[in-house]
Amino acid sequence: MEAKGGSGYRSVREIYADVRLIFKNAMKYNDERDDVHVMAKTLLGKVDEKWLQLLPKVDEEEKNQKEEEADAQIDMQLAQEATHARITKDLNIELEKVDRDLEELRDIVIQNCRRMSTEEKKKLSSALTSLSPEDLDKALLIVSHDYPSFHATSQEVDLDIDSLSESTLWKLKFFVKGALQFQNKTSASMGGNNHPHNNNNKRKIYNALAKSFQKRSKK
């Protein structure tokens, strides 16, 4: 038995409802004493009786169907997540490769940089004092990476900028330039708010750098 659209019934409940409607209409449009009415009423009773017998099985089948659909949905979601994870992993690998290539390129550029002038060192020293606490720590870590004996986390910063190698100086310059550009953009978007808690760090690094230039001027 097919539905009016010719696409068939989607469930047993639709078949049952359609059959009942047919018998109901036969009873409605025929007199109670008419054979058609009597036959339709008899068949409707049998259909309802049979439906009550089938109903538990119908409920069970519908429950199983819903569980299967839920499992299929979960499988589809897991497949999508696995695909996303694979793409993310591949992308991270590519990004790591790009980072390594950029790092190697930067090292090559730094190795071929000219000697930094005294004026450039002074500007670098001044720029260091303008860094945020987080960026200042990163700058000091650059120094400690090239000079393991330098303790970036110590309370007293003892940094002799004249003793740093050219590669370290240029690493600092590149880092400070980028950090300050980002810091200025962020400060502008926040209405020019500064970092008052950075004063102690600024004072420490400034004093250390000032001592460095005082030592140099006495030589």
C-alpha atoms as a PDB file:
ATOM      1  CA  MET A   1       0.000   0.000   0.000  1.00  0.00           C
ATOM      2  CA  GLU A   2       1.446   3.335  -1.042  1.00  0.00           C
ATOM      3  CA  ALA A   3       0.839   6.857   0.153  1.00  0.00           C
ATOM      4  CA  LYS A   4      -0.783   9.447  -2.148  1.00  0.00           C
ATOM      5  CA  GLY A   5       2.602  10.891  -3.093  1.00  0.00           C
ATOM      6  CA  GLY A   6       3.758   7.486  -4.360  1.00  0.00           C
ATOM      7  CA  SER A   7       6.787   7.493  -2.070  1.00  0.00           C
ATOM      8  CA  GLY A   8       5.474   4.809   0.287  1.00  0.00           C
ATOM      9  CA  TYR A   9       4.857   4.860   4.023  1.00  0.00           C
ATOM     10  CA  ARG A  10       7.547   5.969   6.439  1.00  0.00           C
ATOM     11  CA  SER A  11       6.330   3.799   9.322  1.00  0.00           C
ATOM     12  CA  VAL A  12       3.872   1.076  10.306  1.00  0.00           C
ATOM     13  CA  ARG A  13       1.906   3.666  12.256  1.00  0.00           C
ATOM     14  CA  GLU A  14       1.170   5.534   9.013  1.00  0.00           C
ATOM     15  CA  ILE A  15      -0.162   2.348   7.418  1.00  0.00           C
ATOM     16  CA  TYR A  16      -2.391   1.672  10.413  1.00  0.00           C
ATOM     17  CA  ALA A  17      -3.700   5.253  10.426  1.00  0.00           C
ATOM     18  CA  ASP A  18      -4.438   5.139   6.677  1.00  0.00           C
ATOM     19  CA  VAL A  19      -6.293   1.810   6.925  1.00  0.00           C
ATOM     20  CA  ARG A  20      -8.430   3.099   9.799  1.00  0.00           C
ATOM     21  CA  LEU A  21      -9.231   6.243   7.787  1.00  0.00           C
ATOM     22  CA  ILE A  22     -10.445   4.117   4.854  1.00  0.00           C
ATOM     23  CA  PHE A  23     -12.782   2.068   7.046  1.00  0.00           C
ATOM     24  CA  LYS A  24     -13.946   5.155   8.928  1.00  0.00           C
ATOM     25  CA  ASN A  25     -14.875   6.874   5.668  1.00  0.00           C
ATOM     26  CA  ALA A  26     -16.708   3.748   4.492  1.00  0.00           C
ATOM     27  CA  MET A  27     -18.745   3.806   7.690  1.00  0.00           C
ATOM     28  CA  LYS A  28     -19.301   7.562   7.496  1.00  0.00           C
ATOM     29  CA  TYR A  29     -20.649   7.672   3.961  1.00  0.00           C
ATOM     30  CA  ASN A  30     -22.774   4.509   4.125  1.00  0.00           C
ATOM     31  CA  ASP A  31     -25.862   3.803   6.143  1.00  0.00           C
ATOM     32  CA  GLU A  32     -25.450   1.646   9.249  1.00  0.00           C
ATOM     33  CA  ARG A  33     -27.623  -1.059   7.695  1.00  0.00           C
ATOM     34  CA  ASP A  34     -25.654  -1.037   4.458  1.00  0.00           C
ATOM     35  CA  ASP A  35     -23.396  -4.036   3.825  1.00  0.00           C
ATOM     36  CA  VAL A  36     -20.421  -1.745   3.147  1.00  0.00           C
ATOM     37  CA  HIS A  37     -20.854  -0.043   6.528  1.00  0.00           C
ATOM     38  CA  VAL A  38     -21.210  -3.350   8.348  1.00  0.00           C
ATOM     39  CA  MET A  39     -18.178  -4.851   6.590  1.00  0.00           C
ATOM     40  CA  ALA A  40     -16.056  -1.759   7.250  1.00  0.00           C
ATOM     41  CA  LYS A  41     -16.994  -1.759  10.927  1.00  0.00           C
ATOM     42  CA  THR A  42     -16.137  -5.447  11.264  1.00  0.00           C
ATOM     43  CA  LEU A  43     -12.786  -5.058   9.528  1.00  0.00           C
ATOM     44  CA  LEU A  44     -11.952  -1.965  11.567  1.00  0.00           C
ATOM     45  CA  GLY A  45     -12.483  -3.944  14.755  1.00  0.00           C
ATOM     46  CA  LYS A  46     -10.170  -6.691  13.527  1.00  0.00           C
ATOM     47  CA  VAL A  47      -7.540  -4.140  12.472  1.00  0.00           C
ATOM     48  CA  ASP A  48      -7.631  -2.458  15.889  1.00  0.00           C
ATOM     49  CA  GLU A  49      -7.381  -5.840  17.608  1.00  0.00           C
ATOM     50  CA  LYS A  50      -4.428  -6.859  15.450  1.00  0.00           C
ATOM     51  CA  TRP A  51      -2.764  -3.477  16.024  1.00  0.00           C
ATOM     52  CA  LEU A  52      -2.894  -3.923  19.796  1.00  0.00           C
ATOM     53  CA  GLN A  53      -1.103  -7.253  19.358  1.00  0.00           C
ATOM     54  CA  LEU A  54       1.560  -5.716  17.136  1.00  0.00           C
ATOM     55  CA  LEU A  55       2.038  -2.502  19.120  1.00  0.00           C
ATOM     56  CA  PRO A  56       4.725  -3.825  21.568  1.00  0.00           C
ATOM     57  CA  LYS A  57       6.785  -5.088  18.632  1.00  0.00           C
ATOM     58  CA  VAL A  58       6.287  -1.797  16.787  1.00  0.00           C
ATOM     59  CA  ASP A  59       7.472   0.134  19.837  1.00  0.00           C
ATOM     60  CA  GLU A  60      10.535  -2.098  20.121  1.00  0.00           C
ATOM     61  CA  GLU A  61      11.399  -1.695  16.436  1.00  0.00           C
ATOM     62  CA  GLU A  62      11.015   2.076  16.643  1.00  0.00           C
ATOM     63  CA  LYS A  63      13.256   2.142  19.693  1.00  0.00           C
ATOM     64  CA  ASN A  64      15.907   0.091  17.879  1.00  0.00           C
ATOM     65  CA  GLN A  65      15.656   2.347  14.844  1.00  0.00           C
ATOM     66  CA  LYS A  66      16.204   5.460  16.956  1.00  0.00           C
ATOM     67  CA  GLU A  67      19.229   3.853  18.615  1.00  0.00           C
ATOM     68  CA  GLU A  68      20.668   2.917  15.219  1.00  0.00           C
ATOM     69  CA  GLU A  69      20.133   6.454  13.953  1.00  0.00           C
ATOM     70  CA  ALA A  70      21.798   7.842  17.084  1.00  0.00           C
ATOM     71  CA  ASP A  71      24.755   5.472  16.626  1.00  0.00           C
ATOM     72  CA  ALA A  72      25.047   6.500  12.978  1.00  0.00           C
ATOM     73  CA  GLN A  73      25.031  10.155  14.010  1.00  0.00           C
ATOM     74  CA  ILE A  74      27.765   9.494  16.578  1.00  0.00           C
ATOM     75  CA  ASP A  75      29.830   7.595  13.996  1.00  0.00           C
ATOM     76  CA  MET A  76      29.469  10.490  11.569  1.00  0.00           C
ATOM     77  CA  GLN A  77      30.478  12.976  14.262  1.00  0.00           C
ATOM     78  CA  LEU A  78      33.496  10.864  15.235  1.00  0.00           C
ATOM     79  CA  ALA A  79      34.529  10.634  11.588  1.00  0.00           C
ATOM     80  CA  GLN A  80      34.273  14.414  11.239  1.00  0.00           C
ATOM     81  CA  GLU A  81      36.295  14.931  14.418  1.00  0.00           C
ATOM     82  CA  ALA A  82      38.955  12.482  13.212  1.00  0.00           C
ATOM     83  CA  THR A  83      39.190  14.337   9.899  1.00  0.00           C
ATOM     84  CA  HIS A  84      39.448  17.662  11.710  1.00  0.00           C
ATOM     85  CA  ALA A  85      42.153  16.289  14.022  1.00  0.00           C
ATOM     86  CA  ARG A  86      44.144  14.958  11.053  1.00  0.00           C
ATOM     87  CA  ILE A  87      43.914  18.281   9.215  1.00  0.00           C
ATOM     88  CA  THR A  88      44.912  20.161  12.379  1.00  0.00           C
ATOM     89  CA  LYS A  89      47.893  17.851  12.903  1.00  0.00           C
ATOM     90  CA  ASP A  90      49.048  18.286   9.300  1.00  0.00           C
ATOM     91  CA  LEU A  91      48.663  22.046   9.583  1.00  0.00           C
ATOM     92  CA  ASN A  92      50.656  22.150  12.826  1.00  0.00           C
ATOM     93  CA  ILE A  93      53.448  20.148  11.190  1.00  0.00           C
ATOM     94  CA  GLU A  94      53.554  22.620   8.306  1.00  0.00           C
ATOM     95  CA  LEU A  95      53.527  25.593  10.681  1.00  0.00           C
ATOM     96  CA  GLU A  96      56.365  24.087  12.725  1.00  0.00           C
ATOM     97  CA  LYS A  97      58.365  23.622   9.527  1.00  0.00           C
ATOM     98  CA  VAL A  98      57.721  27.249   8.569  1.00  0.00           C
ATOM     99  CA  ASP A  99      58.815  28.364  12.054  1.00  0.00           C
ATOM    100  CA  ARG A 100      62.043  26.375  11.728  1.00  0.00           C
ATOM    101  CA  ASP A 101      62.715  27.816   8.282  1.00  0.00           C
ATOM    102  CA  LEU A 102      62.098  31.346   9.546  1.00  0.00           C
ATOM    103  CA  GLU A 103      64.343  30.734  12.551  1.00  0.00           C
ATOM    104  CA  GLU A 104      67.138  29.483  10.298  1.00  0.00           C
ATOM    105  CA  LEU A 105      66.676  32.455   7.983  1.00  0.00           C
ATOM    106  CA  ARG A 106      66.755  34.862  10.911  1.00  0.00           C
ATOM    107  CA  ASP A 107      69.957  33.268  12.221  1.00  0.00           C
ATOM    108  CA  ILE A 108      71.556  33.648   8.792  1.00  0.00           C
ATOM    109  CA  VAL A 109      70.541  37.307   8.654  1.00  0.00           C
ATOM    110  CA  ILE A 110      71.839  37.920  12.179  1.00  0.00           C
ATOM    111  CA  GLN A 111      75.161  36.224  11.460  1.00  0.00           C
ATOM    112  CA  ASN A 112      75.662  38.580   8.521  1.00  0.00           C
ATOM    113  CA  CYS A 113      74.628  41.744  10.335  1.00  0.00           C
ATOM    114  CA  ARG A 114      77.080  44.602  10.712  1.00  0.00           C
ATOM    115  CA  ARG A 115      78.415  45.662  14.086  1.00  0.00           C
ATOM    116  CA  MET A 116      75.956  47.651  16.151  1.00  0.00           C
ATOM    117  CA  SER A 117      77.039  51.221  16.842  1.00  0.00           C
ATOM    118  CA  THR A 118      77.207  52.794  20.303  1.00  0.00           C
ATOM    119  CA  GLU A 119      74.203  54.967  19.465  1.00  0.00           C
ATOM    120  CA  GLU A 120      72.186  51.921  18.414  1.00  0.00           C
ATOM    121  CA  LYS A 121      73.095  50.183  21.664  1.00  0.00           C
ATOM    122  CA  LYS A 122      71.860  53.211  23.618  1.00  0.00           C
ATOM    123  CA  LYS A 123      68.566  53.168  21.703  1.00  0.00           C
ATOM    124  CA  LEU A 124      68.245  49.441  22.317  1.00  0.00           C
ATOM    125  CA  SER A 125      68.892  49.980  26.029  1.00  0.00           C
ATOM    126  CA  SER A 126      66.231  52.681  26.153  1.00  0.00           C
ATOM    127  CA  ALA A 127      63.763  50.506  24.252  1.00  0.00           C
ATOM    128  CA  LEU A 128      64.274  47.637  26.691  1.00  0.00           C
ATOM    129  CA  THR A 129      63.042  49.825  29.543  1.00  0.00           C
ATOM    130  CA  SER A 130      59.777  50.410  27.648  1.00  0.00           C
ATOM    131  CA  LEU A 131      58.878  46.737  27.412  1.00  0.00           C
ATOM    132  CA  SER A 132      56.032  45.190  29.368  1.00  0.00           C
ATOM    133  CA  PRO A 133      57.050  42.834  32.221  1.00  0.00           C
ATOM    134  CA  GLU A 134      56.263  39.794  30.069  1.00  0.00           C
ATOM    135  CA  ASP A 135      58.234  41.034  27.072  1.00  0.00           C
ATOM    136  CA  LEU A 136      61.106  42.139  29.298  1.00  0.00           C
ATOM    137  CA  ASP A 137      61.352  38.607  30.674  1.00  0.00           C
ATOM    138  CA  LYS A 138      61.409  37.262  27.104  1.00  0.00           C
ATOM    139  CA  ALA A 139      64.186  39.698  26.176  1.00  0.00           C
ATOM    140  CA  LEU A 140      66.259  38.587  29.152  1.00  0.00           C
ATOM    141  CA  LEU A 141      65.659  34.962  28.163  1.00  0.00           C
ATOM    142  CA  ILE A 142      67.207  35.728  24.774  1.00  0.00           C
ATOM    143  CA  VAL A 143      70.342  36.825  26.611  1.00  0.00           C
ATOM    144  CA  SER A 144      70.313  33.804  28.919  1.00  0.00           C
ATOM    145  CA  HIS A 145      69.923  31.498  25.909  1.00  0.00           C
ATOM    146  CA  ASP A 146      73.169  32.808  24.432  1.00  0.00           C
ATOM    147  CA  TYR A 147      74.824  33.219  27.852  1.00  0.00           C
ATOM    148  CA  PRO A 148      73.779  30.362  30.193  1.00  0.00           C
ATOM    149  CA  SER A 149      75.579  32.011  33.129  1.00  0.00           C
ATOM    150  CA  PHE A 150      73.237  34.998  32.881  1.00  0.00           C
ATOM    151  CA  HIS A 151      70.307  34.590  35.295  1.00  0.00           C
ATOM    152  CA  ALA A 152      67.267  36.282  33.782  1.00  0.00           C
ATOM    153  CA  THR A 153      65.051  35.498  36.760  1.00  0.00           C
ATOM    154  CA  SER A 154      67.338  36.867  39.441  1.00  0.00           C
ATOM    155  CA  GLN A 155      66.188  39.825  41.523  1.00  0.00           C
ATOM    156  CA  GLU A 156      69.210  41.897  40.538  1.00  0.00           C
ATOM    157  CA  VAL A 157      69.765  42.191  36.813  1.00  0.00           C
ATOM    158  CA  ASP A 158      73.424  42.567  35.904  1.00  0.00           C
ATOM    159  CA  LEU A 159      73.504  43.117  32.153  1.00  0.00           C
ATOM    160  CA  ASP A 160      76.606  44.477  30.449  1.00  0.00           C
ATOM    161  CA  ILE A 161      75.314  45.252  26.978  1.00  0.00           C
ATOM    162  CA  ASP A 162      78.819  45.903  25.654  1.00  0.00           C
ATOM    163  CA  SER A 163      79.789  42.333  26.487  1.00  0.00           C
ATOM    164  CA  LEU A 164      77.013  40.851  24.367  1.00  0.00           C
ATOM    165  CA  SER A 165      77.819  39.374  20.980  1.00  0.00           C
ATOM    166  CA  GLU A 166      76.610  41.027  17.794  1.00  0.00           C
ATOM    167  CA  SER A 167      74.177  38.166  17.134  1.00  0.00           C
ATOM    168  CA  THR A 168      72.646  38.553  20.614  1.00  0.00           C
ATOM    169  CA  LEU A 169      72.344  42.320  20.195  1.00  0.00           C
ATOM    170  CA  TRP A 170      70.554  41.970  16.871  1.00  0.00           C
ATOM    171  CA  LYS A 171      68.272  39.259  18.262  1.00  0.00           C
ATOM    172  CA  LEU A 172      67.323  41.689  21.020  1.00  0.00           C
ATOM    173  CA  LYS A 173      66.788  44.509  18.541  1.00  0.00           C
ATOM    174  CA  PHE A 174      64.500  42.441  16.299  1.00  0.00           C
ATOM    175  CA  PHE A 175      62.521  41.180  19.288  1.00  0.00           C
ATOM    176  CA  VAL A 176      62.193  44.594  20.946  1.00  0.00           C
ATOM    177  CA  LYS A 177      61.067  46.241  17.712  1.00  0.00           C
ATOM    178  CA  GLY A 178      58.279  43.714  17.174  1.00  0.00           C
ATOM    179  CA  ALA A 179      57.231  43.700  20.835  1.00  0.00           C
ATOM    180  CA  LEU A 180      56.971  47.495  21.015  1.00  0.00           C
ATOM    181  CA  GLN A 181      54.976  47.685  17.787  1.00  0.00           C
ATOM    182  CA  PHE A 182      52.460  45.192  19.147  1.00  0.00           C
ATOM    183  CA  GLN A 183      52.515  46.876  22.557  1.00  0.00           C
ATOM    184  CA  ASN A 184      51.771  50.291  21.026  1.00  0.00           C
ATOM    185  CA  LYS A 185      48.847  48.905  19.003  1.00  0.00           C
ATOM    186  CA  THR A 186      47.417  47.240  22.099  1.00  0.00           C
ATOM    187  CA  SER A 187      47.900  50.374  24.179  1.00  0.00           C
ATOM    188  CA  ALA A 188      46.135  52.491  21.546  1.00  0.00           C
ATOM    189  CA  SER A 189      43.159  50.127  21.406  1.00  0.00           C
ATOM    190  CA  MET A 190      42.886  50.252  25.227  1.00  0.00           C
ATOM    191  CA  GLY A 191      42.980  54.039  25.390  1.00  0.00           C
ATOM    192  CA  GLY A 192      46.683  54.358  26.106  1.00  0.00           C
ATOM    193  CA  ASN A 193      46.759  52.415  29.382  1.00  0.00           C
ATOM    194  CA  ASN A 194      50.301  51.764  30.563  1.00  0.00           C
ATOM    195  CA  HIS A 195      51.767  49.115  32.853  1.00  0.00           C
ATOM    196  CA  PRO A 196      52.426  50.830  36.212  1.00  0.00           C
ATOM    197  CA  HIS A 197      53.568  47.512  37.707  1.00  0.00           C
ATOM    198  CA  ASN A 198      56.466  47.537  35.237  1.00  0.00           C
ATOM    199  CA  ASN A 199      58.310  50.370  37.007  1.00  0.00           C
ATOM    200  CA  ASN A 200      60.486  48.093  39.152  1.00  0.00           C
ATOM    201  CA  ASN A 201      61.511  46.001  36.167  1.00  0.00           C
ATOM    202  CA  LYS A 202      62.258  49.113  34.149  1.00  0.00           C
ATOM    203  CA  ARG A 203      64.325  50.544  36.971  1.00  0.00           C
ATOM    204  CA  LYS A 204      66.330  47.315  37.338  1.00  0.00           C
ATOM    205  CA  ILE A 205      67.155  46.971  33.662  1.00  0.00           C
ATOM    206  CA  TYR A 206      67.736  50.699  33.242  1.00  0.00           C
ATOM    207  CA  ASN A 207      70.168  50.782  36.155  1.00  0.00           C
ATOM    208  CA  ALA A 208      71.990  47.747  34.818  1.00  0.00           C
ATOM    209  CA  LEU A 209      72.305  49.282  31.373  1.00  0.00           C
ATOM    210  CA  ALA A 210      73.351  52.633  32.798  1.00  0.00           C
ATOM    211  CA  LYS A 211      76.109  50.940  34.767  1.00  0.00           C
ATOM    212  CA  SER A 212      77.200  49.250  31.561  1.00  0.00           C
ATOM    213  CA  PHE A 213      77.645  52.551  29.747  1.00  0.00           C
ATOM    214  CA  GLN A 214      79.312  54.142  32.778  1.00  0.00           C
ATOM    215  CA  LYS A 215      81.877  51.332  32.789  1.00  0.00           C
ATOM    216  CA  ARG A 216      82.400  51.788  29.067  1.00  0.00           C
ATOM    217  CA  SER A 217      82.910  55.552  29.343  1.00  0.00           C
ATOM    218  CA  LYS A 218      85.570  55.089  32.024  1.00  0.00           C
ATOM    219  CA  LYS A 219      87.605  52.789  29.790  1.00  0.00           C
END
